[in-house]
Structures are given as C-alpha cells and as structure tokens.
Amino acid sequence: MSWLCSGPFQTQRTGVAAPAATQDIQNDTSPTEQAALAHLLFPSAFLALGALLSALSLLTLRFPDLLAGPFSPGRVKGMAAVALVVGWLIPAGSGIIYYLLPRLTGSPLAGAELARVAGPLSSLLALGGIAVVALGLGDGLAPLLLPWWMDLGVLAIATIPLLVTIQTLRNRTEEGVYVSVWFLAAAAVWLPLLYISTNLPGFFSVGRALQETSFLAGFVNAWILAVGVGAAFYVAAKTSGNPLSNRQLAKVAFWSLAFASIWAGPGRLALGATPDWLDTMAAVLGLALPIAMLAAAAGIVTTIDGAWSRLGEEPALQAIVSALGLATLLSILQSAATFRSAAGTLGFTVFWEGIDYGWTLGVGTLLFAGAIYQALPALAGRRMGDIGFARRGIRLTLIGSVGLVLSTLLAGLMTGFAWNGASFTSGSFGGAFEAWSEGLGPASGLFGLAVLFGTVALAGHIFIALSIVRTITSGRAVEQEVLVMEDSE
C-alpha cells in the first residue's frame, strides 16, 4: 500500500491509495470526499458576503448615521459575524478536518453522511441567522446576536466535527500521529465547549463582557488557528515535498495555543471592571499566543526550506506563509495591548475592531484558503479554475488586512491619547458620558483609511471565493485521488 503524500509521509504506512485515473466527480467521489466538498462550495459564498457586511460595518465607524434599519451599525456588525462564523469559518474548518483526517489516520471518515448533510444545513442556518439579526429579532448579545433557539442550531453544527473526529480516530490504522492530528482533534473538542461556555445564561454586566471577549479570543485560537495551523503543517510538507523539519516546534505551537485560548479574552478588558489579578494573569499568560505563532511560523518555514522556488507556483504555500506572517504581527500587537500600560491608551478603542478583522478575514481566510487550495484537486478531481484569481486574492487580502490593522492601531492610539488628555486637561471635550464620543473626532481620517483598506481586502476575499467556486464547478479535470482503506483490499 503506498502513501498518498510525499516527503515526511513516505516512511509511514497508510490506508490511502495513490492517485487513480481521472474520474467523474459526481459519480465516483466517495462519501468521505463528498463530506469535505459539501463544506467548501457554499461557505465560500458566505466568505464574500461576510466580507461585504464587514466592510459596511467599518464604513459605519466613519459615517455612523449613513445606514439605518436592518443595516444600522449594531445589526450589520452582527450580520457580518453570523455570515463569517456560522456561514464560513465553522463549515470551512470542518471541511478541512474531514479532508485531512482520512489521509492522516488511514481510516474512512466516520459518520460521513451526517457530516455531508451538515454542510448545507450550516448555510441555511447562517442565512436564517442573518435574517433574524437584520429584522431585530436577536437577543442582542454580541458577537452573533442570535436568539437561544438558533444558538442550539449552531451548537449542533459545531458538535458534529467532534463526533466525527472521535469515531474516526478510534478507527485509525496509522500507528504514528502526524502533528496536524493534534491540532485538528483539539479544535473539534474546543469548539462546542467554547460555544457552550460563552452562551450560558444568567450572566450580566462584567460576566457577560467576559463571555463575549472569551468567545472572540477562543474562536480565533481554539478554532481558526488550531485548524489553520494544523492544516498548514500538512500543506507545507505535502506541497514542498520535504519532511517536517522540527516536531518540537509543532509541540510548542500546540501547547502555547492551548494556553492562549482562554487568557487572550479577558485581556481586552484590562483597566475596566474586571479584577486587577485577572488583568495581570491575562496579560502574562496571553504571551503564549505570540510564542505559538512564532513557533508555528518557524516550523513551517523551515519545512518549506529548499522549496521556496515553488512559492510563486503554489497558491496554497503563498496563502499559509502570508497568513503566518500576519498572525505573528497580530499576536504581538494583541499581546502588547493587554498589558495595563498599553491598555490605558488602546483599551475600548477601534484598535480591537482591526484585530478582530485581521484574525477572521485576514489570518483565518488565508489559512483556510491555503488548505482548500491544496485539497480541491484531490477532492474534486479538477485543477484550480484560475490560479491568477487565487494569487490576486491572497495578495489583496494580505495588503488590505495589514493596512486595516495598522490604520486602526493608529486610530486607537489617537483616540486613546484624546481620552487620556481629556482626563487631565480642560479641553474642548470631556472624557466621559456623552462627551466620550467626541474623542473619536481626531481619528476620523484614519477611520476612512481603514475603510479603504477594508475595501481592498474585500476585493481579495471575492477573488478567493471565486477561485474556490470556479475550481469546483468548472476546473479542468485531472487525476483524482481515491481513498482505498485497508478493509477494501
């Protein structure tokens, strides 16, 4: 039996066969592959929709009275969150798990039919959630604003990857465990636990604020980065043809990410109503996030070493390298901003809007796109529909995300300095109550710059979505990998 992958996987036994002849994807794609494909087509449309709604939300920072009704600032931000979380990031991450698990365990995907049905259901749930929020029928609890009965639906969708992963791992035939499996299995466990813990009823004021910030940070660390970094280790080795350079770096990244998942949330509330000891712990333990990103970036970059010439040819490699560079920048900025000295200026400013955007539509989209670009030819038996679209999408997403993060950082600094100045001087505006919003005035020009960069990133997201859709629907047929498990020999 031959190993599907090259490089680090050549010495391992597997239940996956080498590529077979070109096949008709509608007739010959296995239930395992269909489950992964079902989580890629429609979610890519929600990537474009979520990016558009996020751009509108950014626009309201500069022109708060521009939109009203269903597109009022509060609602459009919630609609964007639903589109991105429920419509794009959860199903796309699930599809990546369903693609990688059989290839790394030698076992067919357990519950493949359930997993396949969950793809379209997540899209319907996202559409319903967007409509509910637009009509003002949500519960008003950020970030998703969904009523409790829709939260149950999201929880059900989030639990399916856990059930599938546990049973698939129980049936595995591979004796060794490649590092990607750690990240994917942990993400499948963390996601439903995170959603339950941050939606428990009975919390108010500070408790609810902690739930909201913990969800924002936990979803990034425990889902986006866990799935994305795990997939990036696979993509780097598979695409470059090199063995994994350093297993210890992967361990450092994994455990640092696990520690950072919780503490990155309370750090956003430093100098607020939370206890001082919580602020200190969140700042210190939150340093695990940049450690995780530096370790992951070092491990993946050294794995690619010697194959850098392929970077211009492989959109998958371009995407993960770009994502890791942006993730390292964001993790350093976010970690620094949680310390009390910096929180006194950046706390509760638009800086955190830029951080959220950078993680979800910057890092998350690029990491997931890299994994999807590598997976599509194997899943669909089709060559990428337009590599130029993919490259353009990666470049615009990276430029737009970096520009937006830096412009909101400057806007946050300017706003924070204005608020702090109002506390010590008798300026033209105050530092509290209605006059608090007047401190945003000096940064209004930077808000406009953030909108501009957000529009650039939006164009990149549209190109990425189109490249995925065109590959599945009209890409040129190539040889397709066929999963052949041991019990079928």
Protein backbone atom coordinates (compact mmCIF):
# COMPACT_ATOMS: atom_id res chain seq x y z
CA MET A 1 0.00 0.00 0.00
CA SER A 2 1.51 3.38 -0.99
CA TRP A 3 1.42 6.59 0.96
CA LEU A 4 -0.61 9.33 -0.65
CA CYS A 5 1.65 12.15 0.43
CA SER A 6 5.27 12.84 -0.33
CA GLY A 7 8.06 14.00 1.96
CA PRO A 8 7.56 13.25 5.64
CA PHE A 9 4.90 10.66 4.96
CA GLN A 10 6.85 8.32 2.74
CA THR A 11 8.09 6.17 5.60
CA GLN A 12 4.67 5.73 7.18
CA ARG A 13 2.09 3.07 6.44
CA THR A 14 -1.34 4.20 5.33
CA GLY A 15 -4.65 3.03 4.03
CA VAL A 16 -4.75 5.58 1.25
CA ALA A 17 -4.01 4.66 -2.32
CA ALA A 18 -2.03 6.56 -4.91
CA PRO A 19 -3.86 8.67 -7.49
CA ALA A 20 -6.06 6.74 -9.86
CA ALA A 21 -7.21 7.66 -13.33
CA THR A 22 -9.30 10.75 -13.93
CA GLN A 23 -12.84 10.16 -12.72
CA ASP A 24 -16.23 11.78 -12.85
CA ILE A 25 -16.60 13.56 -9.53
CA GLN A 26 -20.37 13.35 -9.47
CA ASN A 27 -20.38 9.55 -9.76
CA ASP A 28 -17.14 8.36 -8.18
CA THR A 29 -16.43 10.70 -5.27
CA SER A 30 -16.66 8.73 -2.01
CA PRO A 31 -18.93 9.77 0.88
CA THR A 32 -15.78 10.80 2.76
CA GLU A 33 -14.78 13.19 -0.03
CA GLN A 34 -18.35 14.41 -0.50
CA ALA A 35 -18.49 15.37 3.17
CA ALA A 36 -15.45 17.60 2.74
CA LEU A 37 -16.67 19.08 -0.56
CA ALA A 38 -20.07 19.92 0.96
CA HIS A 39 -18.29 22.27 3.36
CA LEU A 40 -16.39 24.23 0.75
CA LEU A 41 -18.72 25.46 -2.01
CA PHE A 42 -21.47 27.39 -0.21
CA PRO A 43 -19.22 28.59 2.65
CA SER A 44 -17.05 30.35 0.06
CA ALA A 45 -20.11 32.44 -0.87
CA PHE A 46 -20.51 33.38 2.80
CA LEU A 47 -16.88 34.47 2.83
CA ALA A 48 -17.71 37.09 0.20
CA LEU A 49 -20.99 38.05 1.94
CA GLY A 50 -19.35 38.29 5.36
CA ALA A 51 -16.53 40.39 3.95
CA LEU A 52 -19.05 42.76 2.35
CA LEU A 53 -21.02 43.13 5.58
CA SER A 54 -17.77 43.68 7.50
CA ALA A 55 -16.83 46.44 5.06
CA LEU A 56 -20.22 48.07 5.69
CA SER A 57 -19.60 47.76 9.42
CA LEU A 58 -16.26 49.51 9.01
CA LEU A 59 -17.99 52.22 6.99
CA THR A 60 -20.25 52.99 9.95
CA LEU A 61 -17.16 53.83 12.01
CA ARG A 62 -16.56 56.78 9.72
CA PHE A 63 -20.20 57.58 8.89
CA PRO A 64 -22.29 56.34 11.84
CA ASP A 65 -25.54 57.81 10.51
CA LEU A 66 -25.14 56.53 6.96
CA LEU A 67 -27.07 53.26 7.42
CA ALA A 68 -30.31 52.63 9.29
CA GLY A 69 -32.93 49.94 9.84
CA PRO A 70 -31.71 46.42 9.02
CA PHE A 71 -28.28 47.83 8.19
CA SER A 72 -27.85 50.01 11.27
CA PRO A 73 -24.35 49.76 12.80
CA GLY A 74 -25.24 47.31 15.55
CA ARG A 75 -27.17 44.97 13.28
CA VAL A 76 -24.79 44.96 10.34
CA LYS A 77 -21.91 44.02 12.64
CA GLY A 78 -23.93 41.10 14.00
CA MET A 79 -24.92 40.04 10.48
CA ALA A 80 -21.26 40.06 9.44
CA ALA A 81 -20.36 37.93 12.47
CA VAL A 82 -23.07 35.36 11.65
CA ALA A 83 -22.00 35.16 7.99
CA LEU A 84 -18.35 34.70 8.88
CA VAL A 85 -18.65 32.42 11.91
CA VAL A 86 -21.67 30.26 11.02
CA GLY A 87 -21.54 30.54 7.23
CA TRP A 88 -17.79 30.49 6.52
CA LEU A 89 -15.35 29.66 9.31
CA ILE A 90 -17.14 26.80 11.10
CA PRO A 91 -18.15 24.84 7.97
CA ALA A 92 -14.91 25.54 6.08
CA GLY A 93 -12.85 24.48 9.09
CA SER A 94 -15.00 21.35 9.40
CA GLY A 95 -14.41 20.57 5.72
CA ILE A 96 -10.65 20.85 6.24
CA ILE A 97 -10.88 18.40 9.15
CA TYR A 98 -12.92 15.98 7.04
CA TYR A 99 -10.37 16.21 4.24
CA LEU A 100 -7.29 15.65 6.39
CA LEU A 101 -8.44 13.03 8.92
CA PRO A 102 -8.75 10.08 6.48
CA ARG A 103 -5.37 10.94 4.96
CA LEU A 104 -3.65 11.08 8.34
CA THR A 105 -5.38 8.17 10.08
CA GLY A 106 -5.82 5.61 7.28
CA SER A 107 -9.47 5.31 8.27
CA PRO A 108 -12.58 6.35 6.33
CA LEU A 109 -14.44 9.27 7.79
CA ALA A 110 -16.88 8.01 10.42
CA GLY A 111 -20.38 9.45 10.05
CA ALA A 112 -19.62 10.75 6.57
CA GLU A 113 -23.31 11.04 5.66
CA LEU A 114 -24.05 13.12 8.75
CA ALA A 115 -21.05 15.31 8.01
CA ARG A 116 -22.15 15.77 4.38
CA VAL A 117 -25.64 16.90 5.38
CA ALA A 118 -24.23 19.34 7.94
CA GLY A 119 -22.62 21.42 5.18
CA PRO A 120 -25.86 22.66 3.54
CA LEU A 121 -27.54 22.90 6.96
CA SER A 122 -24.88 25.31 8.21
CA SER A 123 -25.51 27.51 5.15
CA LEU A 124 -29.28 27.53 5.80
CA LEU A 125 -28.65 28.30 9.47
CA ALA A 126 -26.38 31.19 8.52
CA LEU A 127 -28.99 32.64 6.15
CA GLY A 128 -31.65 32.35 8.83
CA GLY A 129 -29.38 33.95 11.41
CA ILE A 130 -28.58 36.89 9.13
CA ALA A 131 -32.31 37.44 8.52
CA VAL A 132 -33.12 37.24 12.24
CA VAL A 133 -30.44 39.78 13.15
CA ALA A 134 -31.43 42.11 10.28
CA LEU A 135 -35.05 42.10 11.48
CA GLY A 136 -34.01 42.93 15.03
CA LEU A 137 -35.19 39.58 16.43
CA GLY A 138 -31.89 38.58 18.00
CA ASP A 139 -31.09 38.60 21.71
CA GLY A 140 -28.64 41.49 21.40
CA LEU A 141 -25.78 39.51 22.95
CA ALA A 142 -22.60 40.03 20.95
CA PRO A 143 -20.99 38.89 18.81
CA LEU A 144 -23.62 36.82 16.97
CA LEU A 145 -26.79 38.40 18.45
CA LEU A 146 -28.69 35.13 17.84
CA PRO A 147 -31.68 34.06 19.97
CA TRP A 148 -31.27 30.96 22.13
CA TRP A 149 -33.09 28.63 19.76
CA MET A 150 -30.69 29.48 16.95
CA ASP A 151 -27.75 29.11 19.32
CA LEU A 152 -28.85 25.49 19.75
CA GLY A 153 -28.64 25.02 16.00
CA VAL A 154 -25.15 26.49 15.87
CA LEU A 155 -24.11 24.26 18.77
CA ALA A 156 -25.40 21.21 16.92
CA ILE A 157 -23.42 22.13 13.80
CA ALA A 158 -20.34 22.77 15.95
CA THR A 159 -20.66 19.39 17.68
CA ILE A 160 -20.75 17.26 14.52
CA PRO A 161 -16.98 17.62 13.82
CA LEU A 162 -16.32 16.40 17.37
CA LEU A 163 -18.44 13.27 16.91
CA VAL A 164 -16.91 12.52 13.52
CA THR A 165 -13.36 13.12 14.72
CA ILE A 166 -13.62 10.94 17.83
CA GLN A 167 -15.00 7.95 15.92
CA THR A 168 -12.55 8.36 13.04
CA LEU A 169 -9.60 8.46 15.43
CA ARG A 170 -10.90 5.36 17.20
CA ASN A 171 -10.83 3.51 13.88
CA ARG A 172 -7.42 4.75 12.75
CA THR A 173 -4.93 2.25 11.34
CA GLU A 174 -1.85 4.51 11.45
CA GLU A 175 0.47 3.78 14.36
CA GLY A 176 2.13 7.20 14.25
CA VAL A 177 0.34 10.50 14.76
CA TYR A 178 1.31 13.37 12.49
CA VAL A 179 1.32 16.77 14.21
CA SER A 180 -1.69 18.04 12.24
CA VAL A 181 -3.90 15.49 14.02
CA TRP A 182 -3.20 17.14 17.38
CA PHE A 183 -4.46 20.49 16.18
CA LEU A 184 -7.49 19.13 14.32
CA ALA A 185 -8.64 16.90 17.18
CA ALA A 186 -8.19 19.70 19.72
CA ALA A 187 -10.16 22.12 17.55
CA ALA A 188 -13.03 19.64 17.26
CA VAL A 189 -13.14 19.32 21.07
CA TRP A 190 -12.68 23.01 21.86
CA LEU A 191 -15.34 24.45 19.52
CA PRO A 192 -18.54 23.07 21.14
CA LEU A 193 -17.13 23.57 24.64
CA LEU A 194 -16.34 27.18 23.78
CA TYR A 195 -19.80 27.81 22.36
CA ILE A 196 -21.50 26.31 25.42
CA SER A 197 -19.39 28.19 27.95
CA THR A 198 -19.82 31.57 26.25
CA ASN A 199 -23.59 31.19 25.86
CA LEU A 200 -24.51 30.07 29.37
CA PRO A 201 -27.46 32.13 30.67
CA GLY A 202 -27.58 34.10 33.89
CA PHE A 203 -24.54 36.33 33.38
CA PHE A 204 -24.82 40.10 33.33
CA SER A 205 -22.54 43.11 33.16
CA VAL A 206 -18.93 42.03 33.72
CA GLY A 207 -19.76 38.34 33.40
CA ARG A 208 -21.39 38.84 30.02
CA ALA A 209 -18.48 41.01 28.84
CA LEU A 210 -16.09 38.21 29.79
CA GLN A 211 -18.21 35.71 27.88
CA GLU A 212 -18.16 37.88 24.77
CA THR A 213 -14.43 38.56 24.80
CA SER A 214 -13.65 34.93 25.64
CA PHE A 215 -15.67 33.82 22.63
CA LEU A 216 -13.89 36.25 20.32
CA ALA A 217 -10.45 35.16 21.51
CA GLY A 218 -11.31 31.50 21.92
CA PHE A 219 -12.85 31.19 18.47
CA VAL A 220 -9.69 32.61 16.95
CA ASN A 221 -7.26 30.50 18.98
CA ALA A 222 -9.22 27.29 19.54
CA TRP A 223 -10.79 27.01 16.09
CA ILE A 224 -9.32 29.27 13.40
CA LEU A 225 -5.68 28.86 14.45
CA ALA A 226 -5.99 25.26 15.62
CA VAL A 227 -7.50 24.09 12.33
CA GLY A 228 -5.47 26.50 10.21
CA VAL A 229 -2.05 25.82 11.75
CA GLY A 230 -2.70 22.07 11.79
CA ALA A 231 -3.59 22.21 8.10
CA ALA A 232 -0.59 24.46 7.38
CA PHE A 233 1.84 21.81 8.68
CA TYR A 234 0.25 19.32 6.29
CA VAL A 235 0.20 21.72 3.32
CA ALA A 236 3.84 22.73 3.87
CA ALA A 237 5.07 19.14 3.84
CA LYS A 238 2.71 17.89 1.13
CA THR A 239 3.30 20.76 -1.30
CA SER A 240 7.05 21.23 -0.75
CA GLY A 241 7.83 17.50 -0.69
CA ASN A 242 10.01 17.99 2.41
CA PRO A 243 9.73 16.17 5.73
CA LEU A 244 8.55 18.05 8.81
CA SER A 245 11.62 19.92 9.95
CA ASN A 246 11.04 20.06 13.70
CA ARG A 247 8.37 18.19 15.65
CA GLN A 248 9.30 20.04 18.85
CA LEU A 249 8.34 23.40 17.33
CA ALA A 250 4.94 21.96 16.49
CA LYS A 251 4.55 20.86 20.12
CA VAL A 252 5.47 24.33 21.35
CA ALA A 253 2.93 25.87 18.98
CA PHE A 254 0.21 23.44 20.06
CA TRP A 255 0.57 23.81 23.82
CA SER A 256 1.15 27.57 23.65
CA LEU A 257 -2.03 27.90 21.61
CA ALA A 258 -3.91 25.84 24.17
CA PHE A 259 -2.78 28.16 27.00
CA ALA A 260 -3.51 31.30 24.99
CA SER A 261 -7.08 30.30 24.11
CA ILE A 262 -8.69 31.50 27.32
CA TRP A 263 -6.49 34.35 28.51
CA ALA A 264 -6.49 36.40 25.34
CA GLY A 265 -10.15 37.30 26.02
CA PRO A 266 -10.10 38.92 29.50
CA GLY A 267 -7.01 40.87 28.45
CA ARG A 268 -9.23 43.07 26.30
CA LEU A 269 -10.97 44.35 29.41
CA ALA A 270 -7.83 45.47 31.24
CA LEU A 271 -8.37 48.61 33.38
CA GLY A 272 -12.10 48.01 33.14
CA ALA A 273 -14.40 46.50 35.73
CA THR A 274 -12.54 43.18 35.93
CA PRO A 275 -10.34 42.39 38.97
CA ASP A 276 -6.72 43.53 38.83
CA TRP A 277 -5.44 39.96 39.29
CA LEU A 278 -7.36 38.85 36.18
CA ASP A 279 -5.83 41.67 34.14
CA THR A 280 -2.34 40.60 35.21
CA MET A 281 -2.88 36.91 34.54
CA ALA A 282 -4.45 37.60 31.16
CA ALA A 283 -1.54 39.78 30.09
CA VAL A 284 1.19 37.37 31.24
CA LEU A 285 -0.40 34.11 30.08
CA GLY A 286 -1.56 35.78 26.87
CA LEU A 287 2.11 35.91 25.83
CA ALA A 288 1.62 32.28 24.86
CA LEU A 289 -0.11 33.43 21.66
CA PRO A 290 2.90 35.13 20.02
CA ILE A 291 5.04 32.20 21.17
CA ALA A 292 2.63 29.84 19.41
CA MET A 293 2.68 31.86 16.21
CA LEU A 294 6.47 32.24 16.16
CA ALA A 295 6.93 28.51 16.76
CA ALA A 296 4.40 27.58 14.07
CA ALA A 297 5.91 30.02 11.58
CA ALA A 298 9.44 28.74 12.28
CA GLY A 299 8.38 25.11 11.93
CA ILE A 300 6.56 25.68 8.65
CA VAL A 301 9.13 28.00 7.10
CA THR A 302 11.97 25.55 7.84
CA THR A 303 9.87 22.72 6.41
CA ILE A 304 9.47 24.65 3.17
CA ASP A 305 13.24 25.41 3.13
CA GLY A 306 14.73 24.38 -0.18
CA ALA A 307 11.38 24.61 -1.97
CA TRP A 308 10.94 28.39 -1.93
CA SER A 309 11.00 28.43 -5.71
CA ARG A 310 7.57 26.79 -5.60
CA LEU A 311 6.12 29.64 -3.61
CA GLY A 312 5.28 31.53 -6.79
CA GLU A 313 3.68 28.46 -8.33
CA GLU A 314 1.60 27.16 -5.42
CA PRO A 315 -1.23 29.37 -4.10
CA ALA A 316 -1.54 27.03 -1.12
CA LEU A 317 2.01 27.82 0.01
CA GLN A 318 1.53 31.53 -0.67
CA ALA A 319 -1.60 31.60 1.45
CA ILE A 320 -0.20 29.84 4.52
CA VAL A 321 3.07 31.81 4.50
CA SER A 322 1.14 35.09 4.19
CA ALA A 323 -1.24 34.02 6.95
CA LEU A 324 1.56 33.11 9.36
CA GLY A 325 3.32 36.42 8.79
CA LEU A 326 0.11 38.32 9.51
CA ALA A 327 -0.67 36.09 12.50
CA THR A 328 2.73 36.82 14.03
CA LEU A 329 2.16 40.56 13.67
CA LEU A 330 -1.36 40.38 15.13
CA SER A 331 -0.34 38.19 18.05
CA ILE A 332 2.42 40.61 19.07
CA LEU A 333 0.14 43.66 18.79
CA GLN A 334 -2.70 41.94 20.64
CA SER A 335 -0.49 40.64 23.42
CA ALA A 336 1.16 44.02 23.94
CA ALA A 337 -2.23 45.77 24.08
CA THR A 338 -3.41 43.62 27.00
CA PHE A 339 -0.78 44.97 29.39
CA ARG A 340 -2.10 47.73 31.59
CA SER A 341 0.37 50.32 30.34
CA ALA A 342 -0.87 49.91 26.75
CA ALA A 343 -4.48 49.17 27.69
CA GLY A 344 -4.74 52.61 29.23
CA THR A 345 -4.49 54.01 25.71
CA LEU A 346 -5.78 51.27 23.38
CA GLY A 347 -8.45 49.75 25.59
CA PHE A 348 -12.04 50.05 24.26
CA THR A 349 -10.88 51.76 21.08
CA VAL A 350 -11.30 50.86 17.41
CA PHE A 351 -7.94 49.06 17.61
CA TRP A 352 -9.77 45.91 18.70
CA GLU A 353 -12.07 46.13 15.68
CA GLY A 354 -8.99 45.93 13.48
CA ILE A 355 -7.61 43.00 15.48
CA ASP A 356 -10.87 41.04 15.08
CA TYR A 357 -10.96 41.79 11.37
CA GLY A 358 -7.32 40.77 10.96
CA TRP A 359 -7.84 37.40 12.67
CA THR A 360 -11.10 36.41 10.99
CA LEU A 361 -10.89 37.85 7.49
CA GLY A 362 -7.11 38.04 7.32
CA VAL A 363 -5.41 35.12 9.05
CA GLY A 364 -8.41 32.79 9.13
CA THR A 365 -9.32 33.27 5.49
CA LEU A 366 -5.73 32.88 4.27
CA LEU A 367 -5.05 29.77 6.36
CA PHE A 368 -8.30 28.13 5.29
CA ALA A 369 -7.80 29.17 1.68
CA GLY A 370 -4.33 27.58 1.69
CA ALA A 371 -5.73 24.28 2.93
CA ILE A 372 -8.63 24.42 0.47
CA TYR A 373 -6.38 25.20 -2.50
CA GLN A 374 -4.30 22.13 -1.66
CA ALA A 375 -7.39 19.95 -1.12
CA LEU A 376 -9.57 20.83 -4.11
CA PRO A 377 -7.72 18.91 -6.84
CA ALA A 378 -7.71 15.82 -4.61
CA LEU A 379 -11.36 16.16 -3.61
CA ALA A 380 -12.93 17.27 -6.87
CA GLY A 381 -10.55 15.85 -9.44
CA ARG A 382 -10.26 19.28 -11.01
CA ARG A 383 -7.38 21.68 -11.45
CA MET A 384 -7.77 25.13 -9.94
CA GLY A 385 -10.12 27.15 -12.11
CA ASP A 386 -7.97 30.28 -12.16
CA ILE A 387 -4.64 30.41 -10.32
CA GLY A 388 -4.44 34.13 -11.13
CA PHE A 389 -7.64 34.70 -9.15
CA ALA A 390 -6.17 32.80 -6.21
CA ARG A 391 -2.90 34.75 -6.23
CA ARG A 392 -4.68 38.06 -6.60
CA GLY A 393 -7.00 37.18 -3.73
CA ILE A 394 -4.10 36.30 -1.43
CA ARG A 395 -2.21 39.48 -2.27
CA LEU A 396 -5.20 41.82 -1.87
CA THR A 397 -6.33 40.12 1.35
CA LEU A 398 -2.87 40.47 2.87
CA ILE A 399 -2.42 44.11 1.81
CA GLY A 400 -5.92 45.08 2.91
CA SER A 401 -5.68 43.28 6.26
CA VAL A 402 -2.25 44.69 7.18
CA GLY A 403 -3.32 48.20 6.15
CA LEU A 404 -6.56 47.96 8.12
CA VAL A 405 -4.84 46.67 11.25
CA LEU A 406 -2.20 49.40 11.17
CA SER A 407 -4.72 52.18 10.45
CA THR A 408 -6.98 51.08 13.30
CA LEU A 409 -3.90 50.85 15.55
CA LEU A 410 -3.07 54.47 14.78
CA ALA A 411 -6.73 55.46 15.18
CA GLY A 412 -6.84 53.69 18.52
CA LEU A 413 -3.71 55.42 19.72
CA MET A 414 -5.03 58.82 18.65
CA THR A 415 -8.40 58.20 20.30
CA GLY A 416 -6.77 56.90 23.48
CA PHE A 417 -4.49 59.90 23.73
CA ALA A 418 -7.50 62.18 23.23
CA TRP A 419 -9.45 60.45 26.01
CA ASN A 420 -6.47 60.49 28.34
CA GLY A 421 -5.87 64.17 27.59
CA ALA A 422 -9.49 64.94 28.41
CA SER A 423 -8.97 63.42 31.83
CA PHE A 424 -6.19 65.83 32.73
CA THR A 425 -6.98 69.00 30.85
CA SER A 426 -9.94 71.26 30.31
CA GLY A 427 -10.02 70.70 26.55
CA SER A 428 -12.91 71.13 24.17
CA PHE A 429 -14.40 67.76 25.03
CA GLY A 430 -14.70 65.59 28.09
CA GLY A 431 -13.57 62.08 28.83
CA ALA A 432 -16.86 60.59 29.97
CA PHE A 433 -20.60 60.34 29.30
CA GLU A 434 -21.89 61.96 26.08
CA ALA A 435 -18.60 63.78 25.51
CA TRP A 436 -16.76 60.44 25.36
CA SER A 437 -17.60 60.04 21.67
CA GLU A 438 -16.05 63.42 20.89
CA GLY A 439 -12.65 61.85 21.45
CA LEU A 440 -13.18 59.88 18.24
CA GLY A 441 -13.10 63.04 16.15
CA PRO A 442 -9.33 63.39 15.76
CA ALA A 443 -9.12 59.83 14.38
CA SER A 444 -11.91 60.19 11.81
CA GLY A 445 -9.47 60.43 8.92
CA LEU A 446 -7.84 57.16 9.95
CA PHE A 447 -11.30 55.55 10.10
CA GLY A 448 -11.65 56.47 6.44
CA LEU A 449 -8.27 54.91 5.69
CA ALA A 450 -9.39 51.72 7.47
CA VAL A 451 -12.49 51.62 5.26
CA LEU A 452 -10.27 51.96 2.18
CA PHE A 453 -8.07 49.06 3.23
CA GLY A 454 -11.15 47.06 4.17
CA THR A 455 -12.40 47.53 0.61
CA VAL A 456 -9.09 46.25 -0.75
CA ALA A 457 -9.37 43.18 1.47
CA LEU A 458 -12.99 42.71 0.34
CA ALA A 459 -11.80 42.51 -3.27
CA GLY A 460 -9.29 39.86 -2.18
CA HIS A 461 -11.98 37.82 -0.44
CA ILE A 462 -14.16 37.91 -3.55
CA PHE A 463 -11.26 36.64 -5.67
CA ILE A 464 -10.62 33.81 -3.17
CA ALA A 465 -14.29 32.83 -3.14
CA LEU A 466 -14.46 32.89 -6.94
CA SER A 467 -11.33 30.76 -7.26
CA ILE A 468 -12.87 28.11 -4.99
CA VAL A 469 -16.25 28.11 -6.74
CA ARG A 470 -14.75 28.06 -10.24
CA THR A 471 -12.49 25.15 -9.36
CA ILE A 472 -15.38 23.02 -8.10
CA THR A 473 -17.77 23.95 -10.89
CA SER A 474 -15.60 24.39 -13.97
CA GLY A 475 -11.99 23.45 -13.25
CA ARG A 476 -10.26 21.25 -15.84
CA ALA A 477 -10.38 17.54 -14.94
CA VAL A 478 -7.17 15.98 -13.63
CA GLU A 479 -6.25 12.69 -11.99
CA GLN A 480 -8.21 12.32 -8.77
CA GLU A 481 -7.01 10.75 -5.54
CA VAL A 482 -9.15 7.81 -4.47
CA LEU A 483 -9.23 6.76 -0.83
CA VAL A 484 -8.80 2.98 -0.58
CA MET A 485 -8.86 1.74 3.00
CA GLU A 486 -7.29 -1.49 4.19
CA ASP A 487 -10.54 -3.37 4.54
CA SER A 488 -11.21 -2.88 0.82
CA GLU A 489 -8.06 -4.70 -0.34
